[in-house]
Protein backbone atom coordinates (compact mmCIF):
# COMPACT_ATOMS: atom_id res chain seq x y z
CA MET A 1 -12.51 97.37 48.55
CA GLY A 2 -12.20 100.00 51.26
CA ILE A 3 -9.91 102.04 53.44
CA ILE A 4 -8.76 100.38 56.65
CA ILE A 5 -8.30 102.57 59.74
CA GLY A 6 -7.35 100.35 62.65
CA THR A 7 -10.18 97.87 62.87
CA LEU A 8 -12.58 100.11 60.92
CA VAL A 9 -13.16 99.53 57.21
CA ILE A 10 -14.68 102.41 55.22
CA ASP A 11 -15.93 101.79 51.70
CA LEU A 12 -14.12 103.82 49.03
CA TRP A 13 -17.39 105.19 47.59
CA VAL A 14 -18.25 106.75 51.01
CA VAL A 15 -14.87 108.50 51.11
CA ILE A 16 -15.34 109.80 47.55
CA LEU A 17 -18.89 110.98 48.34
CA VAL A 18 -17.70 112.88 51.44
CA ILE A 19 -14.85 114.51 49.49
CA ILE A 20 -17.27 115.61 46.74
CA ALA A 21 -19.68 117.02 49.34
CA VAL A 22 -16.89 118.97 51.07
CA ILE A 23 -15.64 120.39 47.75
CA ALA A 24 -19.19 121.40 46.76
CA PHE A 25 -19.68 123.11 50.14
CA VAL A 26 -16.40 125.04 49.84
CA ILE A 27 -17.31 126.17 46.30
CA LEU A 28 -20.76 127.29 47.50
CA VAL A 29 -19.30 129.27 50.42
CA ILE A 30 -16.71 130.97 48.21
CA ASN A 31 -19.37 131.79 45.60
CA ARG A 32 -21.73 133.32 48.21
CA GLY A 33 -18.85 135.23 49.80
CA LEU A 34 -17.83 136.76 46.48
CA ALA A 35 -21.45 137.67 45.68
CA ALA A 36 -21.84 139.40 49.06
CA HIS A 37 -18.57 141.23 48.54
CA ARG A 38 -19.79 142.67 45.22
CA LEU A 39 -23.00 144.14 46.68
CA GLN A 40 -23.07 147.89 47.07
CA ILE A 41 -23.95 149.31 50.44
CA GLY A 42 -27.41 150.86 50.39
CA ALA A 43 -27.16 153.24 53.30
CA GLY A 44 -26.54 156.88 53.89
CA ARG A 45 -28.14 160.17 53.14
CA GLU A 46 -27.68 159.89 49.39
CA GLU A 47 -29.95 156.85 49.31
CA LEU A 48 -32.89 158.94 50.56
CA ILE A 49 -33.19 161.00 47.38
CA GLY A 50 -36.24 159.88 45.42
CA LYS A 51 -37.91 158.13 48.36
CA THR A 52 -41.21 159.14 49.90
CA ALA A 53 -41.66 160.41 53.44
CA GLU A 54 -44.70 161.17 55.57
CA THR A 55 -45.02 164.61 57.14
CA ILE A 56 -45.34 164.64 60.93
CA THR A 57 -45.79 168.37 61.35
CA ALA A 58 -47.04 170.87 58.80
CA LEU A 59 -44.28 172.02 56.50
CA GLU A 60 -44.59 175.79 56.14
CA PRO A 61 -41.94 175.51 54.72
CA LYS A 62 -40.01 173.92 57.65
CA GLY A 63 -41.18 170.94 59.67
CA THR A 64 -40.49 167.26 60.31
CA VAL A 65 -41.00 164.12 58.26
CA PHE A 66 -40.84 160.39 58.96
CA VAL A 67 -38.80 158.30 56.53
CA GLU A 68 -37.47 154.75 56.91
CA GLY A 69 -38.04 154.68 60.66
CA GLU A 70 -36.37 158.03 61.34
CA ILE A 71 -37.57 161.56 61.97
CA TRP A 72 -35.86 164.22 59.85
CA SER A 73 -36.08 167.99 59.60
CA ALA A 74 -37.50 168.96 56.24
CA ILE A 75 -38.03 172.01 54.09
CA SER A 76 -40.87 172.09 51.58
CA GLU A 77 -40.03 173.41 48.14
CA VAL A 78 -43.72 173.80 47.23
CA GLY A 79 -45.11 175.79 50.14
CA ARG A 80 -47.36 174.40 52.88
CA VAL A 81 -47.77 170.64 53.25
CA GLU A 82 -50.27 169.27 55.78
CA PRO A 83 -49.37 166.62 58.41
CA GLY A 84 -49.88 163.06 57.17
CA GLU A 85 -49.26 163.87 53.52
CA GLU A 86 -46.64 162.02 51.53
CA VAL A 87 -43.76 164.00 50.09
CA LEU A 88 -40.88 163.13 47.77
CA ILE A 89 -37.29 163.74 48.91
CA THR A 90 -35.47 165.80 46.29
CA LYS A 91 -32.27 166.84 48.05
CA VAL A 92 -30.31 166.19 51.25
CA GLU A 93 -28.23 168.99 52.70
CA GLY A 94 -26.59 168.28 56.05
CA LEU A 95 -29.35 166.92 58.28
CA LYS A 96 -32.18 168.59 56.37
CA LEU A 97 -34.28 167.05 53.65
CA TYR A 98 -35.77 169.11 50.85
CA VAL A 99 -39.12 167.72 49.79
CA ASP A 100 -41.69 168.20 47.06
CA LYS A 101 -45.19 166.80 46.56
CA PRO A 102 -45.18 163.63 44.41
CA GLN A 103 -46.58 164.06 40.92
């Protein structure tokens, strides 16, 4: 038993298998789309708080730090920090980061 299209005969089980595969694909795409839609965006200045940065210039108390591929102006809340040291971002105000030494 099969489906006849002109001179072509397609078995019914092939048609059913293709329909099931298409339905499964559509369900998968919808599921992945909904999951992606629910994700929160992880970008912006607020996301920097709590991350570590590496000092480029000495912070006494102002200087520059390197964090996530970017160079930022920073102000040390603990006094002088030498270049190359890691610091913890505690606050973001405008385009300046406030940093502290990690504990």
